[in-house]
Amino acid sequence: MEKIKRNRAQTSQRIINALEDVIAEKGIDGIGINRISEKAGVSKVLIYRYFGGLDGLLTHYIKMGRLFPLLSPATLEQLRPVHENDLSKLWYKQLIHTYRFFRQFPAAFQVLKATVAETSPMADEASAAYDEELARMVGQLAYIKGADYQAVSAIMAGAMSYLTLLSKNNRTIVGINLSTEEGWNRVEDAVRIIYTALNRMAVQSEKVSLEVHQTGVPTNFW
């Protein structure tokens, strides 16, 4: 039984790796059972058996933690801010880390592109899974009550998604060259400033309460 589980896990990983390669090479709409099974060296039947088909495979890939970190309860307890002003670190670090990943890894970028700029059944599937994971991550790291953190996160994530897509087309925005590290350093500095200001406003507001904890925030987590 243990060997069967191990073989299934190894085969599933080969399928996931093949899917990731195909997404990077062909984009979301280039995904196909034949292409993935050939690249993975497995039968198409196994893809259906393990994942229920292409939709299930794509959703599993997006939700497995490569695009957005899967945080355990123990990790979330460690991340809980100690001081009220620590919350801004969680906000800007999660956003900066996430969109660095989307810029650097071709498959992740193609998933992001499909959620914003493409219309097809596979793009719809990717968009739904992407949004669910983004909402999960934002919700886990909110540690705030009395403020619409979801709307704020939607604006920030939407802006970063748009800027990330522009970066691959060698475009500029407000004179900032998004194809350069210098340009992205300016964007990331601005993200820090915005979230630091929001944190300060939240602390000063009588309607907003922040959850703090006794343990520290691992500065190198993201």
N, C-alpha and C. Protein backbone atom coordinates (compact mmCIF):
# COMPACT_ATOMS: atom_id res chain seq x y z
N MET A 1 0.82 -1.21 0.00
CA MET A 1 0.00 0.00 0.00
C MET A 1 0.86 1.26 0.00
N GLU A 2 1.92 1.25 0.80
CA GLU A 2 2.81 2.41 0.87
C GLU A 2 3.46 2.67 -0.48
N LYS A 3 3.85 1.58 -1.16
CA LYS A 3 4.48 1.73 -2.47
C LYS A 3 3.50 2.30 -3.48
N ILE A 4 2.24 1.88 -3.39
CA ILE A 4 1.21 2.39 -4.30
C ILE A 4 1.02 3.89 -4.09
N LYS A 5 0.96 4.30 -2.82
CA LYS A 5 0.81 5.72 -2.51
C LYS A 5 1.99 6.53 -3.02
N ARG A 6 3.21 5.97 -2.83
CA ARG A 6 4.41 6.66 -3.26
C ARG A 6 4.44 6.79 -4.78
N ASN A 7 4.07 5.72 -5.48
CA ASN A 7 4.05 5.76 -6.94
C ASN A 7 3.02 6.76 -7.45
N ARG A 8 1.86 6.79 -6.79
CA ARG A 8 0.83 7.75 -7.20
C ARG A 8 1.30 9.18 -6.98
N ALA A 9 1.94 9.42 -5.85
CA ALA A 9 2.45 10.76 -5.55
C ALA A 9 3.49 11.18 -6.58
N GLN A 10 4.38 10.27 -6.94
CA GLN A 10 5.42 10.58 -7.93
C GLN A 10 4.81 10.84 -9.30
N THR A 11 3.82 10.02 -9.67
CA THR A 11 3.17 10.21 -10.96
C THR A 11 2.39 11.52 -10.99
N SER A 12 1.71 11.83 -9.91
CA SER A 12 0.97 13.09 -9.82
C SER A 12 1.91 14.28 -9.96
N GLN A 13 3.08 14.17 -9.35
CA GLN A 13 4.05 15.26 -9.42
C GLN A 13 4.55 15.43 -10.85
N ARG A 14 4.76 14.32 -11.57
CA ARG A 14 5.18 14.41 -12.96
C ARG A 14 4.12 15.11 -13.81
N ILE A 15 2.87 14.82 -13.52
CA ILE A 15 1.77 15.45 -14.26
C ILE A 15 1.73 16.95 -13.97
N ILE A 16 1.88 17.30 -12.70
CA ILE A 16 1.89 18.71 -12.30
C ILE A 16 3.05 19.45 -12.97
N ASN A 17 4.23 18.82 -12.96
CA ASN A 17 5.40 19.44 -13.59
C ASN A 17 5.18 19.64 -15.08
N ALA A 18 4.56 18.64 -15.72
CA ALA A 18 4.27 18.74 -17.15
C ALA A 18 3.29 19.87 -17.41
N LEU A 19 2.26 19.96 -16.58
CA LEU A 19 1.29 21.05 -16.72
C LEU A 19 1.98 22.40 -16.61
N GLU A 20 2.85 22.54 -15.64
CA GLU A 20 3.55 23.80 -15.43
C GLU A 20 4.40 24.15 -16.65
N ASP A 21 5.07 23.15 -17.21
CA ASP A 21 5.89 23.38 -18.41
C ASP A 21 5.03 23.82 -19.59
N VAL A 22 3.87 23.18 -19.76
CA VAL A 22 2.99 23.52 -20.87
C VAL A 22 2.43 24.93 -20.71
N ILE A 23 2.04 25.28 -19.49
CA ILE A 23 1.54 26.64 -19.24
C ILE A 23 2.61 27.67 -19.58
N ALA A 24 3.85 27.40 -19.15
CA ALA A 24 4.94 28.33 -19.40
C ALA A 24 5.20 28.49 -20.89
N GLU A 25 5.07 27.40 -21.64
CA GLU A 25 5.38 27.42 -23.07
C GLU A 25 4.22 27.91 -23.93
N LYS A 26 3.00 27.49 -23.58
CA LYS A 26 1.85 27.71 -24.46
C LYS A 26 0.77 28.61 -23.88
N GLY A 27 0.84 28.90 -22.58
CA GLY A 27 -0.22 29.67 -21.95
C GLY A 27 -1.37 28.77 -21.52
N ILE A 28 -2.34 29.36 -20.83
CA ILE A 28 -3.47 28.59 -20.32
C ILE A 28 -4.25 27.91 -21.45
N ASP A 29 -4.49 28.62 -22.53
CA ASP A 29 -5.28 28.05 -23.61
C ASP A 29 -4.51 27.00 -24.41
N GLY A 30 -3.22 26.83 -24.13
CA GLY A 30 -2.44 25.79 -24.79
C GLY A 30 -2.45 24.46 -24.06
N ILE A 31 -3.15 24.44 -22.91
CA ILE A 31 -3.23 23.20 -22.13
C ILE A 31 -4.07 22.18 -22.87
N GLY A 32 -3.58 20.95 -22.93
CA GLY A 32 -4.34 19.86 -23.53
C GLY A 32 -3.94 18.54 -22.92
N ILE A 33 -4.89 17.63 -22.82
CA ILE A 33 -4.62 16.33 -22.21
C ILE A 33 -3.49 15.62 -22.95
N ASN A 34 -3.54 15.60 -24.26
CA ASN A 34 -2.52 14.89 -25.04
C ASN A 34 -1.14 15.48 -24.80
N ARG A 35 -1.06 16.79 -24.81
CA ARG A 35 0.23 17.47 -24.63
C ARG A 35 0.80 17.19 -23.24
N ILE A 36 -0.03 17.24 -22.24
CA ILE A 36 0.43 17.02 -20.87
C ILE A 36 0.81 15.57 -20.64
N SER A 37 -0.01 14.64 -21.12
CA SER A 37 0.29 13.22 -20.92
C SER A 37 1.58 12.83 -21.63
N GLU A 38 1.80 13.39 -22.81
CA GLU A 38 3.03 13.09 -23.55
C GLU A 38 4.25 13.63 -22.82
N LYS A 39 4.16 14.86 -22.32
CA LYS A 39 5.30 15.47 -21.63
C LYS A 39 5.58 14.77 -20.30
N ALA A 40 4.51 14.32 -19.63
CA ALA A 40 4.67 13.64 -18.34
C ALA A 40 5.04 12.17 -18.51
N GLY A 41 4.81 11.63 -19.71
CA GLY A 41 5.09 10.20 -19.95
C GLY A 41 4.11 9.30 -19.24
N VAL A 42 2.83 9.74 -19.18
CA VAL A 42 1.80 8.94 -18.51
C VAL A 42 0.59 8.83 -19.42
N SER A 43 -0.29 7.91 -19.09
CA SER A 43 -1.53 7.73 -19.84
C SER A 43 -2.51 8.87 -19.53
N LYS A 44 -3.29 9.25 -20.54
CA LYS A 44 -4.33 10.26 -20.31
C LYS A 44 -5.33 9.80 -19.25
N VAL A 45 -5.52 8.48 -19.17
CA VAL A 45 -6.46 7.93 -18.20
C VAL A 45 -6.06 8.32 -16.78
N LEU A 46 -4.76 8.35 -16.51
CA LEU A 46 -4.29 8.69 -15.16
C LEU A 46 -4.62 10.13 -14.80
N ILE A 47 -4.55 11.04 -15.77
CA ILE A 47 -4.87 12.43 -15.50
C ILE A 47 -6.33 12.56 -15.08
N TYR A 48 -7.20 11.85 -15.77
CA TYR A 48 -8.62 11.87 -15.40
C TYR A 48 -8.84 11.17 -14.05
N ARG A 49 -8.13 10.08 -13.83
CA ARG A 49 -8.31 9.32 -12.59
C ARG A 49 -7.82 10.12 -11.38
N TYR A 50 -6.69 10.78 -11.53
CA TYR A 50 -6.11 11.50 -10.40
C TYR A 50 -6.73 12.88 -10.17
N PHE A 51 -7.11 13.56 -11.26
CA PHE A 51 -7.53 14.96 -11.14
C PHE A 51 -8.92 15.25 -11.69
N GLY A 52 -9.53 14.28 -12.34
CA GLY A 52 -10.87 14.48 -12.88
C GLY A 52 -10.91 15.21 -14.20
N GLY A 53 -9.74 15.45 -14.80
CA GLY A 53 -9.68 16.14 -16.09
C GLY A 53 -8.85 17.40 -16.02
N LEU A 54 -8.86 18.19 -17.10
CA LEU A 54 -8.04 19.38 -17.18
C LEU A 54 -8.43 20.44 -16.15
N ASP A 55 -9.73 20.65 -15.98
CA ASP A 55 -10.17 21.66 -15.02
C ASP A 55 -9.69 21.33 -13.61
N GLY A 56 -9.85 20.08 -13.23
CA GLY A 56 -9.41 19.66 -11.91
C GLY A 56 -7.91 19.75 -11.74
N LEU A 57 -7.19 19.42 -12.79
CA LEU A 57 -5.72 19.50 -12.75
C LEU A 57 -5.26 20.94 -12.59
N LEU A 58 -5.86 21.85 -13.36
CA LEU A 58 -5.48 23.25 -13.29
C LEU A 58 -5.81 23.84 -11.92
N THR A 59 -7.00 23.54 -11.42
CA THR A 59 -7.40 24.04 -10.10
C THR A 59 -6.47 23.51 -9.02
N HIS A 60 -6.13 22.22 -9.10
CA HIS A 60 -5.21 21.63 -8.12
C HIS A 60 -3.86 22.34 -8.16
N TYR A 61 -3.36 22.63 -9.34
CA TYR A 61 -2.07 23.30 -9.49
C TYR A 61 -2.08 24.68 -8.82
N ILE A 62 -3.13 25.44 -9.07
CA ILE A 62 -3.20 26.79 -8.52
C ILE A 62 -3.33 26.77 -7.00
N LYS A 63 -4.01 25.74 -6.47
CA LYS A 63 -4.27 25.68 -5.04
C LYS A 63 -3.22 24.92 -4.24
N MET A 64 -2.20 24.39 -4.89
CA MET A 64 -1.24 23.55 -4.18
C MET A 64 -0.16 24.34 -3.46
N GLY A 65 -0.12 25.66 -3.64
CA GLY A 65 0.81 26.46 -2.87
C GLY A 65 1.98 27.02 -3.64
N ARG A 66 2.05 26.77 -4.94
CA ARG A 66 3.17 27.33 -5.71
C ARG A 66 2.95 28.81 -6.00
N LEU A 67 1.71 29.20 -6.25
CA LEU A 67 1.42 30.59 -6.57
C LEU A 67 1.17 31.42 -5.33
N PHE A 68 0.46 30.86 -4.37
CA PHE A 68 0.20 31.53 -3.09
C PHE A 68 0.59 30.58 -1.98
N PRO A 69 1.32 31.05 -0.97
CA PRO A 69 1.77 30.16 0.10
C PRO A 69 0.61 29.57 0.90
N LEU A 70 0.72 28.29 1.22
CA LEU A 70 -0.24 27.64 2.10
C LEU A 70 0.29 27.72 3.52
N LEU A 71 -0.36 28.49 4.35
CA LEU A 71 0.14 28.77 5.69
C LEU A 71 -0.57 27.91 6.72
N SER A 72 0.20 27.20 7.51
CA SER A 72 -0.36 26.37 8.58
C SER A 72 -0.81 27.25 9.74
N PRO A 73 -1.69 26.74 10.61
CA PRO A 73 -2.09 27.51 11.80
C PRO A 73 -0.90 27.95 12.66
N ALA A 74 0.09 27.06 12.76
CA ALA A 74 1.28 27.41 13.56
C ALA A 74 2.03 28.59 12.94
N THR A 75 2.16 28.58 11.61
CA THR A 75 2.84 29.67 10.92
C THR A 75 2.05 30.97 11.07
N LEU A 76 0.74 30.89 10.95
CA LEU A 76 -0.09 32.08 11.10
C LEU A 76 0.04 32.67 12.50
N GLU A 77 0.17 31.82 13.50
CA GLU A 77 0.36 32.32 14.86
C GLU A 77 1.68 33.07 14.97
N GLN A 78 2.72 32.55 14.31
CA GLN A 78 4.02 33.23 14.34
C GLN A 78 3.98 34.56 13.60
N LEU A 79 3.15 34.62 12.55
CA LEU A 79 3.08 35.83 11.74
C LEU A 79 2.25 36.94 12.39
N ARG A 80 1.43 36.58 13.36
CA ARG A 80 0.58 37.60 13.98
C ARG A 80 1.44 38.74 14.52
N PRO A 81 1.10 39.98 14.17
CA PRO A 81 1.95 41.12 14.57
C PRO A 81 2.01 41.32 16.08
N VAL A 82 3.15 41.76 16.56
CA VAL A 82 3.37 42.02 17.98
C VAL A 82 2.89 43.43 18.33
N HIS A 83 3.25 44.39 17.49
CA HIS A 83 2.88 45.78 17.70
C HIS A 83 1.89 46.21 16.62
N GLU A 84 1.12 47.21 16.92
CA GLU A 84 0.09 47.67 15.98
C GLU A 84 0.68 48.07 14.62
N ASN A 85 1.85 48.67 14.64
CA ASN A 85 2.45 49.13 13.40
C ASN A 85 3.10 48.01 12.58
N ASP A 86 3.17 46.80 13.16
CA ASP A 86 3.77 45.67 12.44
C ASP A 86 2.87 45.17 11.31
N LEU A 87 1.58 45.52 11.36
CA LEU A 87 0.65 44.98 10.38
C LEU A 87 1.02 45.38 8.96
N SER A 88 1.55 46.58 8.80
CA SER A 88 1.91 47.04 7.46
C SER A 88 2.96 46.14 6.82
N LYS A 89 3.84 45.56 7.65
CA LYS A 89 4.87 44.66 7.11
C LYS A 89 4.24 43.45 6.45
N LEU A 90 3.23 42.87 7.11
CA LEU A 90 2.54 41.72 6.53
C LEU A 90 1.85 42.11 5.24
N TRP A 91 1.21 43.26 5.22
CA TRP A 91 0.48 43.69 4.04
C TRP A 91 1.40 43.88 2.85
N TYR A 92 2.47 44.67 3.03
CA TYR A 92 3.29 44.95 1.85
C TYR A 92 4.21 43.80 1.49
N LYS A 93 4.64 43.01 2.49
CA LYS A 93 5.51 41.88 2.16
C LYS A 93 4.76 40.81 1.38
N GLN A 94 3.51 40.53 1.75
CA GLN A 94 2.77 39.51 1.03
C GLN A 94 2.53 39.94 -0.41
N LEU A 95 2.23 41.24 -0.62
CA LEU A 95 1.95 41.72 -1.97
C LEU A 95 3.22 41.74 -2.82
N ILE A 96 4.30 42.25 -2.27
CA ILE A 96 5.56 42.33 -3.02
C ILE A 96 6.07 40.94 -3.36
N HIS A 97 6.05 40.03 -2.39
CA HIS A 97 6.53 38.67 -2.61
C HIS A 97 5.70 37.98 -3.69
N THR A 98 4.38 38.11 -3.61
CA THR A 98 3.49 37.43 -4.55
C THR A 98 3.75 37.87 -5.98
N TYR A 99 3.85 39.17 -6.20
CA TYR A 99 3.98 39.65 -7.58
C TYR A 99 5.42 39.59 -8.09
N ARG A 100 6.39 39.48 -7.22
CA ARG A 100 7.73 39.13 -7.69
C ARG A 100 7.71 37.73 -8.30
N PHE A 101 6.98 36.83 -7.62
CA PHE A 101 6.87 35.45 -8.12
C PHE A 101 6.20 35.43 -9.49
N PHE A 102 5.12 36.19 -9.64
CA PHE A 102 4.42 36.21 -10.92
C PHE A 102 5.28 36.82 -12.03
N ARG A 103 6.16 37.75 -11.69
CA ARG A 103 7.05 38.32 -12.70
C ARG A 103 8.17 37.36 -13.09
N GLN A 104 8.64 36.58 -12.14
CA GLN A 104 9.85 35.78 -12.35
C GLN A 104 9.59 34.41 -12.95
N PHE A 105 8.42 33.82 -12.71
CA PHE A 105 8.17 32.45 -13.16
C PHE A 105 7.15 32.44 -14.30
N PRO A 106 7.55 31.93 -15.47
CA PRO A 106 6.70 31.99 -16.67
C PRO A 106 5.31 31.38 -16.48
N ALA A 107 5.22 30.22 -15.83
CA ALA A 107 3.92 29.57 -15.66
C ALA A 107 3.02 30.43 -14.78
N ALA A 108 3.56 30.99 -13.71
CA ALA A 108 2.77 31.85 -12.82
C ALA A 108 2.29 33.08 -13.58
N PHE A 109 3.17 33.66 -14.40
CA PHE A 109 2.78 34.83 -15.18
C PHE A 109 1.64 34.49 -16.14
N GLN A 110 1.69 33.32 -16.76
CA GLN A 110 0.65 32.93 -17.70
C GLN A 110 -0.69 32.73 -16.99
N VAL A 111 -0.66 32.22 -15.76
CA VAL A 111 -1.89 32.10 -14.98
C VAL A 111 -2.46 33.48 -14.70
N LEU A 112 -1.60 34.40 -14.27
CA LEU A 112 -2.04 35.77 -14.00
C LEU A 112 -2.61 36.41 -15.26
N LYS A 113 -1.95 36.24 -16.37
CA LYS A 113 -2.40 36.80 -17.64
C LYS A 113 -3.79 36.28 -18.01
N ALA A 114 -4.01 35.00 -17.80
CA ALA A 114 -5.30 34.39 -18.14
C ALA A 114 -6.42 34.98 -17.28
N THR A 115 -6.12 35.28 -16.02
CA THR A 115 -7.17 35.80 -15.13
C THR A 115 -7.56 37.22 -15.49
N VAL A 116 -6.68 37.94 -16.17
CA VAL A 116 -6.92 39.36 -16.44
C VAL A 116 -7.29 39.61 -17.90
N ALA A 117 -6.62 38.93 -18.82
CA ALA A 117 -6.69 39.34 -20.22
C ALA A 117 -7.28 38.30 -21.17
N GLU A 118 -7.68 37.14 -20.68
CA GLU A 118 -8.14 36.09 -21.58
C GLU A 118 -9.57 35.67 -21.24
N THR A 119 -10.29 35.23 -22.28
CA THR A 119 -11.66 34.72 -22.10
C THR A 119 -11.77 33.36 -22.77
N SER A 120 -11.86 32.35 -21.95
CA SER A 120 -12.03 30.98 -22.41
C SER A 120 -12.42 30.15 -21.20
N PRO A 121 -12.95 28.94 -21.40
CA PRO A 121 -13.30 28.10 -20.25
C PRO A 121 -12.11 27.85 -19.32
N MET A 122 -10.93 27.61 -19.88
CA MET A 122 -9.75 27.36 -19.05
C MET A 122 -9.34 28.63 -18.30
N ALA A 123 -9.46 29.78 -18.97
CA ALA A 123 -9.13 31.05 -18.30
C ALA A 123 -10.11 31.32 -17.17
N ASP A 124 -11.38 30.99 -17.39
CA ASP A 124 -12.39 31.16 -16.33
C ASP A 124 -12.06 30.27 -15.14
N GLU A 125 -11.65 29.04 -15.41
CA GLU A 125 -11.28 28.11 -14.34
C GLU A 125 -10.08 28.64 -13.57
N ALA A 126 -9.08 29.12 -14.30
CA ALA A 126 -7.88 29.67 -13.66
C ALA A 126 -8.23 30.90 -12.84
N SER A 127 -9.09 31.76 -13.37
CA SER A 127 -9.46 32.98 -12.67
C SER A 127 -10.20 32.69 -11.37
N ALA A 128 -11.12 31.72 -11.40
CA ALA A 128 -11.87 31.38 -10.20
C ALA A 128 -10.96 30.81 -9.11
N ALA A 129 -10.06 29.91 -9.50
CA ALA A 129 -9.14 29.31 -8.53
C ALA A 129 -8.16 30.34 -8.00
N TYR A 130 -7.66 31.21 -8.89
CA TYR A 130 -6.73 32.27 -8.51
C TYR A 130 -7.37 33.20 -7.49
N ASP A 131 -8.62 33.63 -7.76
CA ASP A 131 -9.28 34.56 -6.87
C ASP A 131 -9.56 33.92 -5.51
N GLU A 132 -9.92 32.65 -5.51
CA GLU A 132 -10.18 31.96 -4.25
C GLU A 132 -8.92 31.90 -3.39
N GLU A 133 -7.79 31.63 -4.03
CA GLU A 133 -6.54 31.56 -3.28
C GLU A 133 -6.08 32.94 -2.81
N LEU A 134 -6.26 33.94 -3.65
CA LEU A 134 -5.90 35.30 -3.25
C LEU A 134 -6.75 35.75 -2.06
N ALA A 135 -8.05 35.46 -2.11
CA ALA A 135 -8.95 35.82 -1.01
C ALA A 135 -8.56 35.08 0.26
N ARG A 136 -8.17 33.80 0.13
CA ARG A 136 -7.74 33.02 1.30
C ARG A 136 -6.51 33.65 1.94
N MET A 137 -5.53 33.99 1.13
CA MET A 137 -4.30 34.55 1.66
C MET A 137 -4.55 35.91 2.33
N VAL A 138 -5.32 36.75 1.67
CA VAL A 138 -5.63 38.06 2.24
C VAL A 138 -6.38 37.91 3.56
N GLY A 139 -7.35 37.00 3.58
CA GLY A 139 -8.13 36.79 4.79
C GLY A 139 -7.30 36.26 5.94
N GLN A 140 -6.39 35.36 5.65
CA GLN A 140 -5.55 34.78 6.71
C GLN A 140 -4.64 35.82 7.35
N LEU A 141 -4.21 36.79 6.58
CA LEU A 141 -3.23 37.75 7.07
C LEU A 141 -3.83 39.11 7.40
N ALA A 142 -5.16 39.17 7.52
CA ALA A 142 -5.78 40.47 7.75
C ALA A 142 -5.50 40.98 9.17
N TYR A 143 -5.82 40.19 10.20
CA TYR A 143 -5.63 40.58 11.59
C TYR A 143 -6.23 41.96 11.89
N ILE A 144 -7.37 42.24 11.29
CA ILE A 144 -7.97 43.56 11.44
C ILE A 144 -9.49 43.44 11.40
N LYS A 145 -10.16 44.28 12.19
CA LYS A 145 -11.62 44.32 12.20
C LYS A 145 -12.08 45.76 12.10
N GLY A 146 -13.21 45.96 11.41
CA GLY A 146 -13.77 47.30 11.30
C GLY A 146 -13.32 48.07 10.08
N ALA A 147 -12.54 47.43 9.20
CA ALA A 147 -12.09 48.07 7.96
C ALA A 147 -12.29 47.10 6.80
N ASP A 148 -12.56 47.62 5.62
CA ASP A 148 -12.80 46.77 4.45
C ASP A 148 -11.46 46.39 3.82
N TYR A 149 -10.75 45.48 4.47
CA TYR A 149 -9.44 45.08 3.96
C TYR A 149 -9.54 44.36 2.62
N GLN A 150 -10.70 43.73 2.34
CA GLN A 150 -10.86 43.04 1.06
C GLN A 150 -10.86 44.03 -0.10
N ALA A 151 -11.58 45.14 0.06
CA ALA A 151 -11.62 46.15 -1.00
C ALA A 151 -10.25 46.78 -1.21
N VAL A 152 -9.57 47.08 -0.11
CA VAL A 152 -8.22 47.64 -0.22
C VAL A 152 -7.29 46.66 -0.93
N SER A 153 -7.37 45.39 -0.56
CA SER A 153 -6.53 44.37 -1.18
C SER A 153 -6.86 44.20 -2.65
N ALA A 154 -8.14 44.32 -3.00
CA ALA A 154 -8.55 44.20 -4.40
C ALA A 154 -7.92 45.30 -5.24
N ILE A 155 -7.92 46.51 -4.71
CA ILE A 155 -7.32 47.64 -5.43
C ILE A 155 -5.82 47.43 -5.60
N MET A 156 -5.15 47.02 -4.53
CA MET A 156 -3.69 46.85 -4.59
C MET A 156 -3.30 45.68 -5.48
N ALA A 157 -4.01 44.55 -5.33
CA ALA A 157 -3.69 43.39 -6.15
C ALA A 157 -4.01 43.66 -7.62
N GLY A 158 -5.11 44.37 -7.87
CA GLY A 158 -5.45 44.71 -9.25
C GLY A 158 -4.40 45.59 -9.88
N ALA A 159 -3.92 46.56 -9.13
CA ALA A 159 -2.88 47.44 -9.65
C ALA A 159 -1.59 46.67 -9.93
N MET A 160 -1.20 45.80 -9.00
CA MET A 160 0.03 45.03 -9.19
C MET A 160 -0.10 44.04 -10.34
N SER A 161 -1.29 43.48 -10.53
CA SER A 161 -1.52 42.58 -11.66
C SER A 161 -1.33 43.32 -12.97
N TYR A 162 -1.93 44.49 -13.08
CA TYR A 162 -1.83 45.30 -14.29
C TYR A 162 -0.38 45.69 -14.57
N LEU A 163 0.32 46.14 -13.55
CA LEU A 163 1.72 46.54 -13.73
C LEU A 163 2.58 45.34 -14.12
N THR A 164 2.29 44.18 -13.55
CA THR A 164 3.05 42.97 -13.88
C THR A 164 2.86 42.61 -15.35
N LEU A 165 1.64 42.70 -15.84
CA LEU A 165 1.38 42.40 -17.25
C LEU A 165 2.08 43.41 -18.16
N LEU A 166 2.08 44.67 -17.78
CA LEU A 166 2.77 45.69 -18.57
C LEU A 166 4.27 45.43 -18.64
N SER A 167 4.82 44.88 -17.57
CA SER A 167 6.28 44.69 -17.50
C SER A 167 6.79 43.75 -18.58
N LYS A 168 5.97 42.80 -19.02
CA LYS A 168 6.40 41.85 -20.03
C LYS A 168 6.31 42.41 -21.44
N ASN A 169 5.68 43.57 -21.58
CA ASN A 169 5.55 44.21 -22.89
C ASN A 169 6.47 45.41 -23.05
N ASN A 170 7.44 45.52 -22.12
CA ASN A 170 8.39 46.63 -22.15
C ASN A 170 7.68 47.98 -22.19
N ARG A 171 6.62 48.10 -21.40
CA ARG A 171 5.85 49.33 -21.35
C ARG A 171 6.28 50.18 -20.15
N THR A 172 5.98 51.46 -20.25
CA THR A 172 6.18 52.36 -19.12
C THR A 172 4.83 52.88 -18.65
N ILE A 173 4.78 53.34 -17.41
CA ILE A 173 3.57 53.97 -16.88
C ILE A 173 3.99 55.13 -15.99
N VAL A 174 3.47 56.29 -16.27
CA VAL A 174 3.87 57.53 -15.59
C VAL A 174 5.39 57.68 -15.66
N GLY A 175 5.97 57.27 -16.77
CA GLY A 175 7.40 57.41 -16.96
C GLY A 175 8.26 56.36 -16.28
N ILE A 176 7.65 55.42 -15.57
CA ILE A 176 8.41 54.37 -14.89
C ILE A 176 8.55 53.17 -15.82
N ASN A 177 9.78 52.74 -16.05
CA ASN A 177 10.05 51.61 -16.93
C ASN A 177 9.87 50.32 -16.14
N LEU A 178 8.80 49.61 -16.43
CA LEU A 178 8.46 48.41 -15.66
C LEU A 178 9.25 47.18 -16.09
N SER A 179 10.07 47.31 -17.11
CA SER A 179 10.90 46.17 -17.52
C SER A 179 12.24 46.17 -16.82
N THR A 180 12.47 47.14 -15.93
CA THR A 180 13.75 47.24 -15.22
C THR A 180 13.57 47.03 -13.73
N GLU A 181 14.62 46.60 -13.06
CA GLU A 181 14.59 46.45 -11.61
C GLU A 181 14.44 47.80 -10.93
N GLU A 182 15.03 48.82 -11.53
CA GLU A 182 14.90 50.17 -10.96
C GLU A 182 13.44 50.59 -10.92
N GLY A 183 12.72 50.31 -12.00
CA GLY A 183 11.31 50.64 -12.03
C GLY A 183 10.52 49.91 -10.98
N TRP A 184 10.80 48.62 -10.81
CA TRP A 184 10.07 47.82 -9.82
C TRP A 184 10.47 48.17 -8.40
N ASN A 185 11.70 48.60 -8.20
CA ASN A 185 12.08 49.07 -6.87
C ASN A 185 11.24 50.28 -6.47
N ARG A 186 10.97 51.15 -7.43
CA ARG A 186 10.14 52.32 -7.15
C ARG A 186 8.70 51.91 -6.83
N VAL A 187 8.19 50.94 -7.60
CA VAL A 187 6.83 50.45 -7.34
C VAL A 187 6.74 49.82 -5.96
N GLU A 188 7.72 48.98 -5.62
CA GLU A 188 7.68 48.30 -4.33
C GLU A 188 7.85 49.27 -3.17
N ASP A 189 8.67 50.30 -3.37
CA ASP A 189 8.80 51.34 -2.33
C ASP A 189 7.45 52.04 -2.12
N ALA A 190 6.74 52.28 -3.22
CA ALA A 190 5.44 52.94 -3.12
C ALA A 190 4.43 52.05 -2.38
N VAL A 191 4.49 50.74 -2.63
CA VAL A 191 3.60 49.80 -1.94
C VAL A 191 3.86 49.86 -0.43
N ARG A 192 5.12 49.91 -0.05
CA ARG A 192 5.46 50.01 1.38
C ARG A 192 4.89 51.29 1.99
N ILE A 193 5.03 52.40 1.26
CA ILE A 193 4.55 53.69 1.76
C ILE A 193 3.03 53.66 1.94
N ILE A 194 2.33 53.12 0.95
CA ILE A 194 0.87 53.07 1.00
C ILE A 194 0.39 52.24 2.20
N TYR A 195 0.97 51.06 2.36
CA TYR A 195 0.51 50.19 3.45
C TYR A 195 0.93 50.73 4.82
N THR A 196 2.07 51.39 4.89
CA THR A 196 2.48 52.01 6.15
C THR A 196 1.50 53.11 6.54
N ALA A 197 1.07 53.89 5.54
CA ALA A 197 0.09 54.95 5.80
C ALA A 197 -1.26 54.37 6.22
N LEU A 198 -1.68 53.28 5.55
CA LEU A 198 -2.95 52.64 5.90
C LEU A 198 -2.90 52.07 7.33
N ASN A 199 -1.76 51.49 7.67
CA ASN A 199 -1.59 50.97 9.03
C ASN A 199 -1.72 52.09 10.06
N ARG A 200 -1.12 53.22 9.76
CA ARG A 200 -1.18 54.36 10.69
C ARG A 200 -2.62 54.86 10.84
N MET A 201 -3.34 54.91 9.71
CA MET A 201 -4.74 55.35 9.75
C MET A 201 -5.59 54.37 10.57
N ALA A 202 -5.31 53.06 10.39
CA ALA A 202 -6.07 52.05 11.13
C ALA A 202 -5.84 52.17 12.63
N VAL A 203 -4.60 52.41 13.02
CA VAL A 203 -4.27 52.55 14.44
C VAL A 203 -4.98 53.75 15.05
N GLN A 204 -5.08 54.83 14.28
CA GLN A 204 -5.67 56.06 14.79
C GLN A 204 -7.20 56.06 14.76
N SER A 205 -7.79 55.12 14.00
CA SER A 205 -9.24 55.09 13.86
C SER A 205 -9.91 54.46 15.09
N GLU A 206 -11.03 55.04 15.50
CA GLU A 206 -11.78 54.48 16.62
C GLU A 206 -12.63 53.29 16.19
N LYS A 207 -12.86 53.15 14.89
CA LYS A 207 -13.72 52.09 14.37
C LYS A 207 -12.95 50.81 14.06
N VAL A 208 -11.64 50.90 14.00
CA VAL A 208 -10.81 49.77 13.58
C VAL A 208 -10.06 49.19 14.77
N SER A 209 -10.04 47.87 14.86
CA SER A 209 -9.26 47.20 15.91
C SER A 209 -8.29 46.22 15.26
N LEU A 210 -7.11 46.12 15.83
CA LEU A 210 -6.06 45.25 15.31
C LEU A 210 -5.76 44.14 16.30
N GLU A 211 -5.50 42.95 15.77
CA GLU A 211 -5.15 41.81 16.61
C GLU A 211 -3.63 41.70 16.68
N VAL A 212 -3.09 41.69 17.89
CA VAL A 212 -1.65 41.52 18.07
C VAL A 212 -1.40 40.27 18.90
N HIS A 213 -0.12 39.88 18.98
CA HIS A 213 0.22 38.61 19.60
C HIS A 213 1.52 38.76 20.37
N GLN A 214 1.82 37.77 21.18
CA GLN A 214 3.04 37.83 21.99
C GLN A 214 4.29 37.48 21.21
N THR A 215 4.14 36.67 20.15
CA THR A 215 5.33 36.22 19.41
C THR A 215 5.68 37.20 18.31
N GLY A 216 6.89 37.06 17.80
CA GLY A 216 7.39 37.99 16.81
C GLY A 216 7.03 37.63 15.39
N VAL A 217 7.21 38.58 14.48
CA VAL A 217 6.98 38.36 13.06
C VAL A 217 8.30 37.99 12.40
N PRO A 218 8.41 36.79 11.80
CA PRO A 218 9.66 36.40 11.13
C PRO A 218 9.93 37.32 9.95
N THR A 219 10.94 38.15 10.06
CA THR A 219 11.20 39.14 9.03
C THR A 219 11.62 38.54 7.70
N ASN A 220 12.13 37.31 7.71
CA ASN A 220 12.60 36.70 6.48
C ASN A 220 11.59 35.68 5.91
N PHE A 221 10.36 35.70 6.43
CA PHE A 221 9.40 34.69 5.99
C PHE A 221 9.11 34.80 4.51
N TRP A 222 8.85 36.02 4.02
CA TRP A 222 8.46 36.17 2.61
C TRP A 222 9.68 36.16 1.72
